[in-house]
PDB file of N, CA and C in Angstrom:
ATOM      1  N   MET A   1      -2.243   0.353  -7.803  1.00  0.00           N
ATOM      2  CA  MET A   1      -3.025   1.301  -7.055  1.00  0.00           C
ATOM      3  C   MET A   1      -2.256   1.802  -5.837  1.00  0.00           C
ATOM      4  N   ALA A   2      -1.587   0.900  -5.153  1.00  0.00           N
ATOM      5  CA  ALA A   2      -0.836   1.295  -3.964  1.00  0.00           C
ATOM      6  C   ALA A   2       0.357   2.166  -4.329  1.00  0.00           C
ATOM      7  N   ARG A   3       0.897   1.994  -5.530  1.00  0.00           N
ATOM      8  CA  ARG A   3       2.036   2.815  -5.951  1.00  0.00           C
ATOM      9  C   ARG A   3       1.645   4.279  -6.084  1.00  0.00           C
ATOM     10  N   VAL A   4       0.356   4.556  -6.250  1.00  0.00           N
ATOM     11  CA  VAL A   4      -0.121   5.928  -6.351  1.00  0.00           C
ATOM     12  C   VAL A   4      -0.641   6.427  -5.004  1.00  0.00           C
ATOM     13  N   LEU A   5      -1.462   5.613  -4.331  1.00  0.00           N
ATOM     14  CA  LEU A   5      -2.119   6.058  -3.108  1.00  0.00           C
ATOM     15  C   LEU A   5      -1.181   6.201  -1.911  1.00  0.00           C
ATOM     16  N   VAL A   6      -0.258   5.284  -1.736  1.00  0.00           N
ATOM     17  CA  VAL A   6       0.610   5.313  -0.551  1.00  0.00           C
ATOM     18  C   VAL A   6       1.463   6.583  -0.515  1.00  0.00           C
ATOM     19  N   PRO A   7       2.164   6.936  -1.597  1.00  0.00           N
ATOM     20  CA  PRO A   7       2.927   8.197  -1.528  1.00  0.00           C
ATOM     21  C   PRO A   7       2.041   9.438  -1.361  1.00  0.00           C
ATOM     22  N   LEU A   8       0.855   9.431  -1.951  1.00  0.00           N
ATOM     23  CA  LEU A   8      -0.043  10.579  -1.794  1.00  0.00           C
ATOM     24  C   LEU A   8      -0.536  10.710  -0.356  1.00  0.00           C
ATOM     25  N   LEU A   9      -0.957   9.614   0.228  1.00  0.00           N
ATOM     26  CA  LEU A   9      -1.498   9.657   1.588  1.00  0.00           C
ATOM     27  C   LEU A   9      -0.416   9.874   2.652  1.00  0.00           C
ATOM     28  N   SER A  10       0.822   9.515   2.348  1.00  0.00           N
ATOM     29  CA  SER A  10       1.908   9.705   3.309  1.00  0.00           C
ATOM     30  C   SER A  10       2.704  10.982   3.030  1.00  0.00           C
ATOM     31  N   PHE A  11       2.230  11.796   2.092  1.00  0.00           N
ATOM     32  CA  PHE A  11       2.892  13.045   1.709  1.00  0.00           C
ATOM     33  C   PHE A  11       4.341  12.813   1.271  1.00  0.00           C
ATOM     34  N   GLY A  12       4.578  11.696   0.588  1.00  0.00           N
ATOM     35  CA  GLY A  12       5.885  11.399   0.021  1.00  0.00           C
ATOM     36  C   GLY A  12       6.875  10.753   0.956  1.00  0.00           C
ATOM     37  N   ARG A  13       6.509  10.507   2.197  1.00  0.00           N
ATOM     38  CA  ARG A  13       7.458   9.893   3.141  1.00  0.00           C
ATOM     39  C   ARG A  13       7.624   8.401   2.905  1.00  0.00           C
ATOM     40  N   ILE A  14       6.622   7.754   2.309  1.00  0.00           N
ATOM     41  CA  ILE A  14       6.699   6.321   2.028  1.00  0.00           C
ATOM     42  C   ILE A  14       6.695   6.119   0.523  1.00  0.00           C
ATOM     43  N   LYS A  15       7.707   5.433   0.036  1.00  0.00           N
ATOM     44  CA  LYS A  15       7.780   5.073  -1.374  1.00  0.00           C
ATOM     45  C   LYS A  15       7.554   3.566  -1.493  1.00  0.00           C
ATOM     46  N   VAL A  16       7.088   3.113  -2.646  1.00  0.00           N
ATOM     47  CA  VAL A  16       6.760   1.707  -2.846  1.00  0.00           C
ATOM     48  C   VAL A  16       7.855   1.053  -3.679  1.00  0.00           C
ATOM     49  N   GLU A  17       8.272  -0.129  -3.249  1.00  0.00           N
ATOM     50  CA  GLU A  17       9.279  -0.916  -3.947  1.00  0.00           C
ATOM     51  C   GLU A  17       8.751  -1.341  -5.318  1.00  0.00           C
ATOM     52  N   ASP A  18       9.651  -1.611  -6.259  1.00  0.00           N
ATOM     53  CA  ASP A  18       9.241  -2.119  -7.564  1.00  0.00           C
ATOM     54  C   ASP A  18       8.429  -3.395  -7.397  1.00  0.00           C
ATOM     55  N   LEU A  19       7.543  -3.650  -8.345  1.00  0.00           N
ATOM     56  CA  LEU A  19       6.555  -4.719  -8.197  1.00  0.00           C
ATOM     57  C   LEU A  19       7.180  -6.096  -7.986  1.00  0.00           C
ATOM     58  N   TYR A  20       8.169  -6.460  -8.770  1.00  0.00           N
ATOM     59  CA  TYR A  20       8.753  -7.798  -8.662  1.00  0.00           C
ATOM     60  C   TYR A  20      10.121  -7.791  -8.009  1.00  0.00           C
ATOM     61  N   ALA A  21      10.427  -6.776  -7.238  1.00  0.00           N
ATOM     62  CA  ALA A  21      11.716  -6.706  -6.542  1.00  0.00           C
ATOM     63  C   ALA A  21      11.711  -7.696  -5.380  1.00  0.00           C
ATOM     64  N   ALA A  22      12.851  -8.253  -5.109  1.00  0.00           N
ATOM     65  CA  ALA A  22      12.982  -9.222  -4.014  1.00  0.00           C
ATOM     66  C   ALA A  22      13.812  -8.596  -2.901  1.00  0.00           C
ATOM     67  N   GLY A  23      13.285  -7.533  -2.307  1.00  0.00           N
ATOM     68  CA  GLY A  23      14.006  -6.839  -1.250  1.00  0.00           C
ATOM     69  C   GLY A  23      13.978  -7.598   0.058  1.00  0.00           C
ATOM     70  N   THR A  24      14.954  -7.301   0.902  1.00  0.00           N
ATOM     71  CA  THR A  24      15.033  -7.929   2.220  1.00  0.00           C
ATOM     72  C   THR A  24      15.183  -6.828   3.262  1.00  0.00           C
ATOM     73  N   GLY A  25      15.014  -7.186   4.510  1.00  0.00           N
ATOM     74  CA  GLY A  25      15.197  -6.250   5.609  1.00  0.00           C
ATOM     75  C   GLY A  25      13.959  -5.463   5.972  1.00  0.00           C
ATOM     76  N   PHE A  26      12.793  -5.921   5.552  1.00  0.00           N
ATOM     77  CA  PHE A  26      11.548  -5.234   5.883  1.00  0.00           C
ATOM     78  C   PHE A  26      11.014  -5.753   7.214  1.00  0.00           C
ATOM     79  N   ASN A  27      10.352  -4.879   7.989  1.00  0.00           N
ATOM     80  CA  ASN A  27       9.747  -5.327   9.241  1.00  0.00           C
ATOM     81  C   ASN A  27       8.407  -6.002   8.956  1.00  0.00           C
ATOM     82  N   TRP A  28       7.665  -6.363   9.988  1.00  0.00           N
ATOM     83  CA  TRP A  28       6.413  -7.103   9.800  1.00  0.00           C
ATOM     84  C   TRP A  28       5.346  -6.266   9.118  1.00  0.00           C
ATOM     85  N   GLN A  29       5.490  -4.946   9.126  1.00  0.00           N
ATOM     86  CA  GLN A  29       4.541  -4.074   8.454  1.00  0.00           C
ATOM     87  C   GLN A  29       4.907  -3.857   6.983  1.00  0.00           C
ATOM     88  N   GLY A  30       6.032  -4.404   6.566  1.00  0.00           N
ATOM     89  CA  GLY A  30       6.467  -4.259   5.188  1.00  0.00           C
ATOM     90  C   GLY A  30       7.227  -2.984   4.928  1.00  0.00           C
ATOM     91  N   LEU A  31       7.760  -2.356   5.963  1.00  0.00           N
ATOM     92  CA  LEU A  31       8.478  -1.093   5.818  1.00  0.00           C
ATOM     93  C   LEU A  31       9.955  -1.259   6.112  1.00  0.00           C
ATOM     94  N   LYS A  32      10.754  -0.451   5.433  1.00  0.00           N
ATOM     95  CA  LYS A  32      12.192  -0.408   5.667  1.00  0.00           C
ATOM     96  C   LYS A  32      12.585   1.063   5.724  1.00  0.00           C
ATOM     97  N   HIS A  33      13.359   1.446   6.742  1.00  0.00           N
ATOM     98  CA  HIS A  33      13.796   2.830   6.885  1.00  0.00           C
ATOM     99  C   HIS A  33      14.908   3.123   5.883  1.00  0.00           C
ATOM    100  N   GLN A  34      14.841   4.290   5.257  1.00  0.00           N
ATOM    101  CA  GLN A  34      15.873   4.699   4.303  1.00  0.00           C
ATOM    102  C   GLN A  34      16.697   5.840   4.891  1.00  0.00           C
ATOM    103  N   GLU A  35      17.814   6.139   4.260  1.00  0.00           N
ATOM    104  CA  GLU A  35      18.725   7.156   4.765  1.00  0.00           C
ATOM    105  C   GLU A  35      18.137   8.568   4.692  1.00  0.00           C
ATOM    106  N   ASN A  36      17.203   8.807   3.788  1.00  0.00           N
ATOM    107  CA  ASN A  36      16.652  10.149   3.603  1.00  0.00           C
ATOM    108  C   ASN A  36      15.438  10.406   4.498  1.00  0.00           C
ATOM    109  N   ASP A  37      15.373   9.735   5.653  1.00  0.00           N
ATOM    110  CA  ASP A  37      14.269   9.853   6.611  1.00  0.00           C
ATOM    111  C   ASP A  37      12.925   9.484   6.014  1.00  0.00           C
ATOM    112  N   GLY A  38      12.924   8.618   5.037  1.00  0.00           N
ATOM    113  CA  GLY A  38      11.694   8.103   4.457  1.00  0.00           C
ATOM    114  C   GLY A  38      11.621   6.604   4.680  1.00  0.00           C
ATOM    115  N   TYR A  39      10.590   6.006   4.133  1.00  0.00           N
ATOM    116  CA  TYR A  39      10.396   4.570   4.265  1.00  0.00           C
ATOM    117  C   TYR A  39      10.136   3.969   2.900  1.00  0.00           C
ATOM    118  N   LEU A  40      10.453   2.695   2.774  1.00  0.00           N
ATOM    119  CA  LEU A  40      10.197   1.934   1.566  1.00  0.00           C
ATOM    120  C   LEU A  40       9.225   0.819   1.924  1.00  0.00           C
ATOM    121  N   LEU A  41       8.125   0.730   1.176  1.00  0.00           N
ATOM    122  CA  LEU A  41       7.110  -0.297   1.399  1.00  0.00           C
ATOM    123  C   LEU A  41       7.386  -1.469   0.476  1.00  0.00           C
ATOM    124  N   SER A  42       7.347  -2.677   1.009  1.00  0.00           N
ATOM    125  CA  SER A  42       7.644  -3.862   0.210  1.00  0.00           C
ATOM    126  C   SER A  42       6.571  -4.090  -0.849  1.00  0.00           C
ATOM    127  N   SER A  43       6.949  -4.774  -1.910  1.00  0.00           N
ATOM    128  CA  SER A  43       6.006  -5.018  -3.004  1.00  0.00           C
ATOM    129  C   SER A  43       4.876  -5.942  -2.569  1.00  0.00           C
ATOM    130  N   GLY A  44       5.159  -6.891  -1.710  1.00  0.00           N
ATOM    131  CA  GLY A  44       4.114  -7.785  -1.217  1.00  0.00           C
ATOM    132  C   GLY A  44       3.066  -7.050  -0.397  1.00  0.00           C
ATOM    133  N   MET A  45       3.510  -6.154   0.464  1.00  0.00           N
ATOM    134  CA  MET A  45       2.567  -5.385   1.277  1.00  0.00           C
ATOM    135  C   MET A  45       1.793  -4.391   0.417  1.00  0.00           C
ATOM    136  N   SER A  46       2.426  -3.850  -0.611  1.00  0.00           N
ATOM    137  CA  SER A  46       1.702  -2.921  -1.490  1.00  0.00           C
ATOM    138  C   SER A  46       0.631  -3.656  -2.292  1.00  0.00           C
ATOM    139  N   THR A  47       0.909  -4.890  -2.691  1.00  0.00           N
ATOM    140  CA  THR A  47      -0.097  -5.697  -3.371  1.00  0.00           C
ATOM    141  C   THR A  47      -1.271  -5.990  -2.443  1.00  0.00           C
ATOM    142  N   PHE A  48      -0.968  -6.311  -1.193  1.00  0.00           N
ATOM    143  CA  PHE A  48      -2.013  -6.559  -0.202  1.00  0.00           C
ATOM    144  C   PHE A  48      -2.862  -5.304   0.029  1.00  0.00           C
ATOM    145  N   LEU A  49      -2.233  -4.136   0.136  1.00  0.00           N
ATOM    146  CA  LEU A  49      -2.971  -2.898   0.356  1.00  0.00           C
ATOM    147  C   LEU A  49      -3.849  -2.539  -0.839  1.00  0.00           C
ATOM    148  N   ALA A  50      -3.365  -2.810  -2.046  1.00  0.00           N
ATOM    149  CA  ALA A  50      -4.180  -2.556  -3.234  1.00  0.00           C
ATOM    150  C   ALA A  50      -5.404  -3.472  -3.264  1.00  0.00           C
ATOM    151  N   ALA A  51      -5.212  -4.740  -2.922  1.00  0.00           N
ATOM    152  CA  ALA A  51      -6.346  -5.674  -2.875  1.00  0.00           C
ATOM    153  C   ALA A  51      -7.339  -5.258  -1.793  1.00  0.00           C
ATOM    154  N   LEU A  52      -6.840  -4.840  -0.649  1.00  0.00           N
ATOM    155  CA  LEU A  52      -7.705  -4.383   0.432  1.00  0.00           C
ATOM    156  C   LEU A  52      -8.498  -3.144   0.012  1.00  0.00           C
ATOM    157  N   PHE A  53      -7.868  -2.234  -0.700  1.00  0.00           N
ATOM    158  CA  PHE A  53      -8.551  -1.039  -1.199  1.00  0.00           C
ATOM    159  C   PHE A  53      -9.721  -1.416  -2.094  1.00  0.00           C
ATOM    160  N   TRP A  54      -9.499  -2.354  -3.031  1.00  0.00           N
ATOM    161  CA  TRP A  54     -10.570  -2.732  -3.951  1.00  0.00           C
ATOM    162  C   TRP A  54     -11.677  -3.523  -3.256  1.00  0.00           C
ATOM    163  N   VAL A  55     -11.347  -4.309  -2.249  1.00  0.00           N
ATOM    164  CA  VAL A  55     -12.375  -5.013  -1.478  1.00  0.00           C
ATOM    165  C   VAL A  55     -13.237  -4.008  -0.722  1.00  0.00           C
ATOM    166  N   LEU A  56     -12.610  -2.993  -0.141  1.00  0.00           N
ATOM    167  CA  LEU A  56     -13.375  -1.959   0.551  1.00  0.00           C
ATOM    168  C   LEU A  56     -14.247  -1.161  -0.415  1.00  0.00           C
ATOM    169  N   CYS A  57     -13.753  -0.915  -1.626  1.00  0.00           N
ATOM    170  CA  CYS A  57     -14.571  -0.249  -2.644  1.00  0.00           C
ATOM    171  C   CYS A  57     -15.774  -1.106  -3.015  1.00  0.00           C
ATOM    172  N   LEU A  58     -15.579  -2.411  -3.145  1.00  0.00           N
ATOM    173  CA  LEU A  58     -16.682  -3.314  -3.458  1.00  0.00           C
ATOM    174  C   LEU A  58     -17.712  -3.342  -2.340  1.00  0.00           C
ATOM    175  N   ILE A  59     -17.256  -3.363  -1.103  1.00  0.00           N
ATOM    176  CA  ILE A  59     -18.167  -3.353   0.036  1.00  0.00           C
ATOM    177  C   ILE A  59     -18.958  -2.046   0.073  1.00  0.00           C
ATOM    178  N   ALA A  60     -18.296  -0.932  -0.169  1.00  0.00           N
ATOM    179  CA  ALA A  60     -18.991   0.363  -0.182  1.00  0.00           C
ATOM    180  C   ALA A  60     -20.016   0.418  -1.310  1.00  0.00           C
ATOM    181  N   TYR A  61     -19.656  -0.120  -2.466  1.00  0.00           N
ATOM    182  CA  TYR A  61     -20.588  -0.145  -3.600  1.00  0.00           C
ATOM    183  C   TYR A  61     -21.809  -0.999  -3.285  1.00  0.00           C
ATOM    184  N   LEU A  62     -21.568  -2.179  -2.736  1.00  0.00           N
ATOM    185  CA  LEU A  62     -22.678  -3.057  -2.389  1.00  0.00           C
ATOM    186  C   LEU A  62     -23.551  -2.469  -1.300  1.00  0.00           C
ATOM    187  N   ALA A  63     -22.940  -1.802  -0.348  1.00  0.00           N
ATOM    188  CA  ALA A  63     -23.726  -1.181   0.719  1.00  0.00           C
ATOM    189  C   ALA A  63     -24.570  -0.041   0.170  1.00  0.00           C
ATOM    190  N   ALA A  64     -24.047   0.691  -0.785  1.00  0.00           N
ATOM    191  CA  ALA A  64     -24.792   1.825  -1.340  1.00  0.00           C
ATOM    192  C   ALA A  64     -25.920   1.356  -2.270  1.00  0.00           C
ATOM    193  N   THR A  65     -25.675   0.306  -3.029  1.00  0.00           N
ATOM    194  CA  THR A  65     -26.690  -0.141  -3.977  1.00  0.00           C
ATOM    195  C   THR A  65     -27.716  -1.069  -3.364  1.00  0.00           C
ATOM    196  N   ARG A  66     -27.362  -1.798  -2.334  1.00  0.00           N
ATOM    197  CA  ARG A  66     -28.280  -2.733  -1.692  1.00  0.00           C
ATOM    198  C   ARG A  66     -29.048  -2.102  -0.549  1.00  0.00           C
ATOM    199  N   GLY A  67     -28.637  -0.923  -0.117  1.00  0.00           N
ATOM    200  CA  GLY A  67     -29.341  -0.209   0.929  1.00  0.00           C
ATOM    201  C   GLY A  67     -29.067  -0.714   2.326  1.00  0.00           C
ATOM    202  N   PHE A  68     -27.855  -1.141   2.607  1.00  0.00           N
ATOM    203  CA  PHE A  68     -27.521  -1.614   3.957  1.00  0.00           C
ATOM    204  C   PHE A  68     -27.369  -0.451   4.886  1.00  0.00           C
TER     205      PHE A  68
END
């Protein structure tokens, strides 16, 4: 999910690393600056963002159906 949403929401400035790549040199946010003035998001952070997206979708669904 993050492999699709992150590049769309960042207008192509952030690309996502391959899922099982073992990259190094990422900052605490999971980003690494590239030579083409873009950024690369680590696979671990992209997995976390995808899980966070689905948790927020579940919360929104529960709030809408339960009437919170």
